[in-house]
C-alpha cells in the first residue's frame, strides 16, 4: 500500500483553514453552515494566489442524503453538513474527521449513511 504525504506548506494551509472554520458560529441549517464555512475559507485564503473555496450546495458533485444532510466534496476532503447545521470534515487521505461542530440545537455531528 502506498502512503501519501502532503507537503508541509499544504498541511500548514489546511491547519489554517481548520482553525478559521472552527471559529465560526453554530448554524441552524445546511445553508447557513455552508455559508459560514465558505466565508471562513474565503477570509483564510485571501492571501493565496490560487485560493481554495467551498463548492456551492447547487454543484452537481454535492450528494444529498434522505435525512437532509449533504456531502460537499473538496480535493482531499469531504465536508458533511447535517440539516441541523452540524458539520464534519473528513480527510480522505487519513479517513479521519479532522474537525466537527454541533448544530445550533446542540446535536453533535455524525457521519451520515
N, C-alpha and C. Protein backbone atom coordinates (compact mmCIF):
# COMPACT_ATOMS: atom_id res chain seq x y z
N UNK A 1 0.85 -1.18 0.00
CA UNK A 1 0.00 0.00 0.00
C UNK A 1 0.89 1.24 0.00
N UNK A 2 0.57 2.18 -0.86
CA UNK A 2 1.34 3.42 -0.97
C UNK A 2 0.86 4.41 0.07
N UNK A 3 1.82 5.01 0.79
CA UNK A 3 1.49 6.04 1.75
C UNK A 3 1.74 7.39 1.11
N UNK A 4 0.75 8.23 1.15
CA UNK A 4 0.87 9.57 0.59
C UNK A 4 1.06 10.57 1.72
N UNK A 5 1.91 11.52 1.49
CA UNK A 5 2.09 12.59 2.47
C UNK A 5 1.96 13.93 1.74
N UNK A 6 1.38 14.86 2.44
CA UNK A 6 1.23 16.19 1.87
C UNK A 6 2.48 17.00 2.17
N UNK A 7 2.81 17.94 1.30
CA UNK A 7 3.93 18.85 1.58
C UNK A 7 3.62 19.68 2.83
N UNK A 8 4.64 20.07 3.59
CA UNK A 8 4.43 20.85 4.82
C UNK A 8 3.62 22.12 4.60
N UNK A 9 3.82 22.80 3.46
CA UNK A 9 3.08 24.04 3.23
C UNK A 9 1.58 23.78 3.03
N UNK A 10 1.24 22.64 2.47
CA UNK A 10 -0.18 22.28 2.31
C UNK A 10 -0.78 21.93 3.67
N UNK A 11 -0.03 21.17 4.48
CA UNK A 11 -0.51 20.85 5.83
C UNK A 11 -0.74 22.12 6.64
N UNK A 12 0.17 23.08 6.53
CA UNK A 12 0.01 24.35 7.26
C UNK A 12 -1.22 25.09 6.76
N UNK A 13 -1.44 25.07 5.47
CA UNK A 13 -2.61 25.74 4.90
C UNK A 13 -3.90 25.08 5.38
N UNK A 14 -3.92 23.76 5.41
CA UNK A 14 -5.10 23.04 5.90
C UNK A 14 -5.35 23.37 7.36
N UNK A 15 -4.30 23.40 8.17
CA UNK A 15 -4.47 23.73 9.59
C UNK A 15 -5.01 25.16 9.77
N UNK A 16 -4.55 26.08 8.93
CA UNK A 16 -5.05 27.45 8.99
C UNK A 16 -6.55 27.48 8.68
N UNK A 17 -6.97 26.68 7.70
CA UNK A 17 -8.39 26.61 7.35
C UNK A 17 -9.21 25.98 8.47
N UNK A 18 -8.68 24.92 9.05
CA UNK A 18 -9.39 24.26 10.15
C UNK A 18 -9.57 25.23 11.32
N UNK A 19 -8.55 26.00 11.63
CA UNK A 19 -8.65 27.00 12.70
C UNK A 19 -9.71 28.05 12.37
N UNK A 20 -9.72 28.52 11.14
CA UNK A 20 -10.70 29.53 10.73
C UNK A 20 -12.12 28.96 10.79
N UNK A 21 -12.30 27.75 10.33
CA UNK A 21 -13.62 27.14 10.32
C UNK A 21 -14.08 26.83 11.74
N UNK A 22 -13.16 26.43 12.61
CA UNK A 22 -13.56 26.09 13.98
C UNK A 22 -14.07 27.31 14.74
N UNK A 23 -13.74 28.51 14.28
CA UNK A 23 -14.16 29.74 14.95
C UNK A 23 -15.53 30.24 14.51
N UNK A 24 -16.14 29.62 13.51
CA UNK A 24 -17.43 30.12 13.03
C UNK A 24 -18.53 29.81 14.03
N UNK A 25 -19.61 30.60 14.00
CA UNK A 25 -20.73 30.32 14.91
C UNK A 25 -21.48 29.06 14.49
N UNK A 26 -22.18 28.46 15.44
CA UNK A 26 -23.02 27.31 15.10
C UNK A 26 -24.14 27.80 14.18
N UNK A 27 -24.65 26.89 13.38
CA UNK A 27 -25.68 27.26 12.41
C UNK A 27 -26.91 26.38 12.60
N UNK A 28 -28.09 26.88 12.22
CA UNK A 28 -29.32 26.11 12.40
C UNK A 28 -29.68 25.19 11.22
N UNK A 29 -28.96 25.32 10.11
CA UNK A 29 -29.33 24.54 8.93
C UNK A 29 -28.15 24.40 7.96
N UNK A 30 -28.34 23.62 6.92
CA UNK A 30 -27.29 23.34 5.93
C UNK A 30 -26.82 24.62 5.25
N UNK A 31 -27.76 25.43 4.77
CA UNK A 31 -27.40 26.63 4.00
C UNK A 31 -26.57 27.60 4.84
N UNK A 32 -26.98 27.84 6.08
CA UNK A 32 -26.23 28.76 6.93
C UNK A 32 -24.85 28.21 7.29
N UNK A 33 -24.78 26.91 7.57
CA UNK A 33 -23.49 26.29 7.89
C UNK A 33 -22.55 26.39 6.70
N UNK A 34 -23.05 26.08 5.50
CA UNK A 34 -22.22 26.15 4.30
C UNK A 34 -21.76 27.57 4.05
N UNK A 35 -22.64 28.54 4.23
CA UNK A 35 -22.29 29.94 4.04
C UNK A 35 -21.21 30.36 5.04
N UNK A 36 -21.37 29.99 6.32
CA UNK A 36 -20.38 30.33 7.34
C UNK A 36 -19.01 29.71 7.03
N UNK A 37 -19.03 28.45 6.61
CA UNK A 37 -17.78 27.76 6.27
C UNK A 37 -17.14 28.42 5.05
N UNK A 38 -17.93 28.70 4.03
CA UNK A 38 -17.41 29.34 2.82
C UNK A 38 -16.78 30.69 3.12
N UNK A 39 -17.45 31.47 3.98
CA UNK A 39 -16.91 32.78 4.35
C UNK A 39 -15.59 32.64 5.11
N UNK A 40 -15.51 31.68 6.01
CA UNK A 40 -14.27 31.46 6.77
C UNK A 40 -13.13 31.06 5.84
N UNK A 41 -13.42 30.19 4.88
CA UNK A 41 -12.40 29.77 3.92
C UNK A 41 -11.97 30.95 3.06
N UNK A 42 -12.91 31.75 2.61
CA UNK A 42 -12.59 32.91 1.77
C UNK A 42 -11.66 33.87 2.52
N UNK A 43 -11.93 34.14 3.77
CA UNK A 43 -11.09 35.04 4.57
C UNK A 43 -9.70 34.42 4.79
N UNK A 44 -9.66 33.14 5.15
CA UNK A 44 -8.39 32.48 5.43
C UNK A 44 -7.52 32.35 4.18
N UNK A 45 -8.15 32.31 3.01
CA UNK A 45 -7.42 32.10 1.76
C UNK A 45 -7.14 33.39 0.99
N UNK A 46 -7.50 34.55 1.54
CA UNK A 46 -7.39 35.80 0.77
C UNK A 46 -5.97 36.12 0.31
N UNK A 47 -4.96 35.66 1.02
CA UNK A 47 -3.57 35.96 0.64
C UNK A 47 -3.01 34.97 -0.38
N UNK A 48 -3.74 33.91 -0.68
CA UNK A 48 -3.25 32.88 -1.60
C UNK A 48 -3.44 33.30 -3.06
N UNK A 49 -2.48 32.96 -3.90
CA UNK A 49 -2.60 33.31 -5.32
C UNK A 49 -3.68 32.46 -6.01
N UNK A 50 -3.88 31.23 -5.53
CA UNK A 50 -4.93 30.35 -6.05
C UNK A 50 -5.75 29.87 -4.85
N UNK A 51 -6.67 30.73 -4.39
CA UNK A 51 -7.41 30.38 -3.17
C UNK A 51 -8.33 29.17 -3.34
N UNK A 52 -8.39 28.39 -2.28
CA UNK A 52 -9.35 27.28 -2.24
C UNK A 52 -10.70 27.86 -1.89
N UNK A 53 -11.75 27.14 -2.27
CA UNK A 53 -13.10 27.59 -1.96
C UNK A 53 -13.99 26.37 -1.76
N UNK A 54 -15.13 26.62 -1.17
CA UNK A 54 -16.13 25.58 -0.95
C UNK A 54 -17.13 25.65 -2.10
N UNK A 55 -17.39 24.51 -2.73
CA UNK A 55 -18.36 24.48 -3.82
C UNK A 55 -19.76 24.82 -3.29
N UNK A 56 -20.57 25.45 -4.11
CA UNK A 56 -21.94 25.77 -3.66
C UNK A 56 -22.77 24.50 -3.51
N UNK A 57 -23.81 24.59 -2.72
CA UNK A 57 -24.69 23.44 -2.49
C UNK A 57 -25.40 23.00 -3.77
N UNK A 58 -25.41 23.85 -4.78
CA UNK A 58 -26.06 23.51 -6.05
C UNK A 58 -25.13 22.78 -7.02
N UNK A 59 -23.86 22.61 -6.64
CA UNK A 59 -22.90 21.93 -7.53
C UNK A 59 -23.35 20.48 -7.75
N UNK A 60 -23.13 19.99 -8.96
CA UNK A 60 -23.59 18.63 -9.29
C UNK A 60 -22.89 17.56 -8.47
N UNK A 61 -21.71 17.85 -7.92
CA UNK A 61 -20.96 16.87 -7.14
C UNK A 61 -21.48 16.72 -5.71
N UNK A 62 -22.32 17.63 -5.27
CA UNK A 62 -22.86 17.58 -3.91
C UNK A 62 -23.84 16.42 -3.81
N UNK A 63 -23.63 15.59 -2.78
CA UNK A 63 -24.55 14.45 -2.56
C UNK A 63 -25.56 14.84 -1.49
N UNK A 64 -26.83 14.60 -1.79
CA UNK A 64 -27.91 14.86 -0.84
C UNK A 64 -28.35 13.55 -0.22
N UNK A 65 -28.47 13.52 1.11
CA UNK A 65 -28.92 12.34 1.84
C UNK A 65 -30.40 12.47 2.17
N UNK A 66 -31.09 11.34 2.36
CA UNK A 66 -32.53 11.38 2.66
C UNK A 66 -32.89 12.19 3.91
N UNK A 67 -31.97 12.27 4.89
CA UNK A 67 -32.28 12.99 6.13
C UNK A 67 -32.04 14.50 6.01
N UNK A 68 -31.69 14.98 4.81
CA UNK A 68 -31.46 16.40 4.60
C UNK A 68 -30.01 16.82 4.71
N UNK A 69 -29.13 15.87 5.05
CA UNK A 69 -27.69 16.15 5.11
C UNK A 69 -27.12 16.21 3.70
N UNK A 70 -25.94 16.83 3.58
CA UNK A 70 -25.26 16.90 2.30
C UNK A 70 -23.78 16.55 2.49
N UNK A 71 -23.16 16.12 1.39
CA UNK A 71 -21.72 15.92 1.34
C UNK A 71 -21.19 16.80 0.21
N UNK A 72 -20.29 17.71 0.56
CA UNK A 72 -19.70 18.61 -0.42
C UNK A 72 -18.25 18.18 -0.62
N UNK A 73 -17.92 17.59 -1.78
CA UNK A 73 -16.56 17.12 -1.99
C UNK A 73 -15.59 18.27 -2.25
N UNK A 74 -14.41 18.13 -1.67
CA UNK A 74 -13.30 19.05 -1.89
C UNK A 74 -12.10 18.18 -2.25
N UNK A 75 -11.06 18.76 -2.77
CA UNK A 75 -9.87 17.98 -3.09
C UNK A 75 -9.26 17.50 -1.78
N UNK A 76 -9.26 16.19 -1.57
CA UNK A 76 -8.66 15.60 -0.38
C UNK A 76 -9.55 15.57 0.85
N UNK A 77 -10.72 16.18 0.79
CA UNK A 77 -11.62 16.24 1.93
C UNK A 77 -13.07 16.15 1.47
N UNK A 78 -13.92 15.70 2.36
CA UNK A 78 -15.36 15.79 2.16
C UNK A 78 -15.93 16.56 3.33
N UNK A 79 -16.76 17.52 3.03
CA UNK A 79 -17.46 18.31 4.03
C UNK A 79 -18.88 17.77 4.14
N UNK A 80 -19.23 17.28 5.32
CA UNK A 80 -20.58 16.80 5.58
C UNK A 80 -21.31 17.86 6.41
N UNK A 81 -22.54 18.18 6.04
CA UNK A 81 -23.34 19.13 6.80
C UNK A 81 -24.72 18.51 7.03
N UNK A 82 -25.14 18.48 8.28
CA UNK A 82 -26.46 17.95 8.63
C UNK A 82 -27.53 19.03 8.51
N UNK A 83 -28.76 18.59 8.44
CA UNK A 83 -29.88 19.52 8.34
C UNK A 83 -29.97 20.44 9.56
N UNK A 84 -29.38 20.04 10.70
CA UNK A 84 -29.40 20.88 11.90
C UNK A 84 -28.21 21.85 11.96
N UNK A 85 -27.39 21.87 10.90
CA UNK A 85 -26.24 22.77 10.85
C UNK A 85 -24.95 22.16 11.37
N UNK A 86 -25.02 20.97 11.99
CA UNK A 86 -23.80 20.30 12.44
C UNK A 86 -22.98 19.93 11.21
N UNK A 87 -21.66 19.94 11.36
CA UNK A 87 -20.82 19.56 10.22
C UNK A 87 -19.55 18.86 10.68
N UNK A 88 -18.96 18.15 9.74
CA UNK A 88 -17.69 17.49 9.97
C UNK A 88 -16.90 17.49 8.68
N UNK A 89 -15.58 17.50 8.81
CA UNK A 89 -14.70 17.48 7.64
C UNK A 89 -13.88 16.20 7.69
N UNK A 90 -14.06 15.36 6.67
CA UNK A 90 -13.35 14.09 6.57
C UNK A 90 -12.12 14.26 5.69
N UNK A 91 -10.96 13.92 6.22
CA UNK A 91 -9.71 13.91 5.45
C UNK A 91 -9.65 12.58 4.72
N UNK A 92 -9.71 12.60 3.40
CA UNK A 92 -9.74 11.38 2.62
C UNK A 92 -8.40 10.65 2.62
N UNK A 93 -7.32 11.33 2.94
CA UNK A 93 -6.01 10.68 2.99
C UNK A 93 -5.87 9.82 4.23
N UNK A 94 -6.41 10.29 5.34
CA UNK A 94 -6.27 9.55 6.60
C UNK A 94 -7.58 8.87 7.03
N UNK A 95 -8.68 9.17 6.33
CA UNK A 95 -10.01 8.66 6.65
C UNK A 95 -10.41 9.02 8.09
N UNK A 96 -10.06 10.23 8.50
CA UNK A 96 -10.42 10.71 9.84
C UNK A 96 -11.17 12.03 9.74
N UNK A 97 -12.03 12.27 10.70
CA UNK A 97 -12.71 13.56 10.81
C UNK A 97 -11.72 14.53 11.44
N UNK A 98 -11.32 15.56 10.70
CA UNK A 98 -10.31 16.49 11.20
C UNK A 98 -10.92 17.60 12.05
N UNK A 99 -12.20 17.82 11.91
CA UNK A 99 -12.90 18.75 12.80
C UNK A 99 -14.39 18.57 12.62
N UNK A 100 -15.12 18.89 13.67
CA UNK A 100 -16.58 18.82 13.59
C UNK A 100 -17.16 19.85 14.56
N UNK A 101 -18.40 20.17 14.33
CA UNK A 101 -19.10 21.13 15.18
C UNK A 101 -20.56 20.72 15.25
N UNK A 102 -21.14 20.83 16.43
CA UNK A 102 -22.55 20.52 16.62
C UNK A 102 -23.42 21.59 15.95
N UNK A 103 -24.66 21.24 15.70
CA UNK A 103 -25.62 22.21 15.16
C UNK A 103 -26.10 23.14 16.26
N UNK A 104 -26.89 24.13 15.88
CA UNK A 104 -27.36 25.11 16.85
C UNK A 104 -28.29 24.49 17.89
N UNK A 105 -28.84 23.32 17.60
CA UNK A 105 -29.70 22.64 18.58
C UNK A 105 -28.89 21.78 19.54
N UNK A 106 -27.55 21.81 19.42
CA UNK A 106 -26.68 21.08 20.33
C UNK A 106 -26.40 19.65 19.94
N UNK A 107 -27.05 19.14 18.91
CA UNK A 107 -26.83 17.76 18.48
C UNK A 107 -25.49 17.70 17.73
N UNK A 108 -24.64 16.77 18.17
CA UNK A 108 -23.29 16.65 17.63
C UNK A 108 -23.32 16.10 16.21
N UNK A 109 -22.22 16.35 15.50
CA UNK A 109 -22.05 15.82 14.15
C UNK A 109 -21.86 14.30 14.21
N UNK A 110 -22.42 13.61 13.24
CA UNK A 110 -22.13 12.19 13.00
C UNK A 110 -22.15 12.02 11.48
N UNK A 111 -21.36 11.09 10.99
CA UNK A 111 -21.26 10.87 9.54
C UNK A 111 -22.55 10.24 9.04
N UNK A 112 -23.22 10.88 8.06
CA UNK A 112 -24.46 10.31 7.53
C UNK A 112 -24.18 9.04 6.72
N UNK A 113 -25.19 8.20 6.63
CA UNK A 113 -25.05 6.97 5.85
C UNK A 113 -26.05 6.92 4.72
